[in-house]
Amino acid sequence: MINDDELVCFCSAVTAGAIRQAMRDGGRTLDDIRRMTGACTLGRCKELSPRGR
């Protein structure tokens, strides 16, 4: 399992914990999670990720 502090969205600096919290707060779809956290909204994660993905 990914640590809550680990970044999963590098372009918006969203952590796994923020994603999990959004799900606990009622986020059910990717669009819900995007609205609630800002994840996957800037489209630069692959470019900014140290893993290149």
C-alpha atoms as a PDB file:
ATOM      1  CA  MET A   1       0.000   0.000   0.000  1.00  0.00           C
ATOM      2  CA  ILE A   2       1.170   3.519  -0.747  1.00  0.00           C
ATOM      3  CA  ASN A   3       1.988   5.706   2.270  1.00  0.00           C
ATOM      4  CA  ASP A   4      -0.496   8.554   2.917  1.00  0.00           C
ATOM      5  CA  ASP A   5       2.323  11.114   2.536  1.00  0.00           C
ATOM      6  CA  GLU A   6       3.427   9.867  -0.894  1.00  0.00           C
ATOM      7  CA  LEU A   7       2.640  12.139  -3.833  1.00  0.00           C
ATOM      8  CA  VAL A   8       0.398  10.535  -6.426  1.00  0.00           C
ATOM      9  CA  CYS A   9      -0.277  13.683  -8.457  1.00  0.00           C
ATOM     10  CA  PHE A  10       2.942  15.563  -9.006  1.00  0.00           C
ATOM     11  CA  CYS A  11       1.493  18.481 -10.958  1.00  0.00           C
ATOM     12  CA  SER A  12      -0.929  19.419  -8.158  1.00  0.00           C
ATOM     13  CA  ALA A  13       1.070  17.964  -5.221  1.00  0.00           C
ATOM     14  CA  VAL A  14      -1.787  15.677  -4.126  1.00  0.00           C
ATOM     15  CA  THR A  15      -0.945  12.847  -1.733  1.00  0.00           C
ATOM     16  CA  ALA A  16      -2.401   9.376  -1.446  1.00  0.00           C
ATOM     17  CA  GLY A  17      -3.826  10.458   1.905  1.00  0.00           C
ATOM     18  CA  ALA A  18      -5.704  13.334   0.287  1.00  0.00           C
ATOM     19  CA  ILE A  19      -7.205  10.912  -2.245  1.00  0.00           C
ATOM     20  CA  ARG A  20      -8.244   8.528   0.524  1.00  0.00           C
ATOM     21  CA  GLN A  21      -9.762  11.391   2.528  1.00  0.00           C
ATOM     22  CA  ALA A  22     -11.751  12.543  -0.503  1.00  0.00           C
ATOM     23  CA  MET A  23     -13.104   9.005  -0.845  1.00  0.00           C
ATOM     24  CA  ARG A  24     -14.074   8.957   2.848  1.00  0.00           C
ATOM     25  CA  ASP A  25     -15.770  12.327   2.299  1.00  0.00           C
ATOM     26  CA  GLY A  26     -17.964  10.888  -0.443  1.00  0.00           C
ATOM     27  CA  GLY A  27     -15.878  11.003  -3.620  1.00  0.00           C
ATOM     28  CA  ARG A  28     -16.842   8.011  -5.732  1.00  0.00           C
ATOM     29  CA  THR A  29     -15.745   8.811  -9.265  1.00  0.00           C
ATOM     30  CA  LEU A  30     -12.517  10.167 -10.729  1.00  0.00           C
ATOM     31  CA  ASP A  31     -14.346  13.416 -11.465  1.00  0.00           C
ATOM     32  CA  ASP A  32     -15.383  13.629  -7.792  1.00  0.00           C
ATOM     33  CA  ILE A  33     -11.788  13.093  -6.672  1.00  0.00           C
ATOM     34  CA  ARG A  34     -10.509  15.662  -9.163  1.00  0.00           C
ATOM     35  CA  ARG A  35     -12.980  18.276  -7.919  1.00  0.00           C
ATOM     36  CA  MET A  36     -12.261  17.555  -4.277  1.00  0.00           C
ATOM     37  CA  THR A  37      -8.445  17.394  -4.431  1.00  0.00           C
ATOM     38  CA  GLY A  38      -7.319  19.113  -7.623  1.00  0.00           C
ATOM     39  CA  ALA A  39      -5.551  15.921  -8.701  1.00  0.00           C
ATOM     40  CA  CYS A  40      -5.045  15.266 -12.422  1.00  0.00           C
ATOM     41  CA  THR A  41      -6.094  18.767 -13.409  1.00  0.00           C
ATOM     42  CA  LEU A  42      -2.881  20.331 -14.706  1.00  0.00           C
ATOM     43  CA  GLY A  43      -1.725  17.482 -16.950  1.00  0.00           C
ATOM     44  CA  ARG A  44       1.965  17.687 -16.052  1.00  0.00           C
ATOM     45  CA  CYS A  45       2.351  14.649 -13.765  1.00  0.00           C
ATOM     46  CA  LYS A  46       4.382  12.584 -16.224  1.00  0.00           C
ATOM     47  CA  GLU A  47       6.709  15.522 -16.807  1.00  0.00           C
ATOM     48  CA  LEU A  48       7.123  16.287 -13.083  1.00  0.00           C
ATOM     49  CA  SER A  49       7.199  12.723 -11.726  1.00  0.00           C
ATOM     50  CA  PRO A  50      10.625  11.406 -10.811  1.00  0.00           C
ATOM     51  CA  ARG A  51       9.466   8.062 -12.222  1.00  0.00           C
ATOM     52  CA  GLY A  52       8.489   9.571 -15.582  1.00  0.00           C
ATOM     53  CA  ARG A  53       4.952   8.148 -15.453  1.00  0.00           C
END
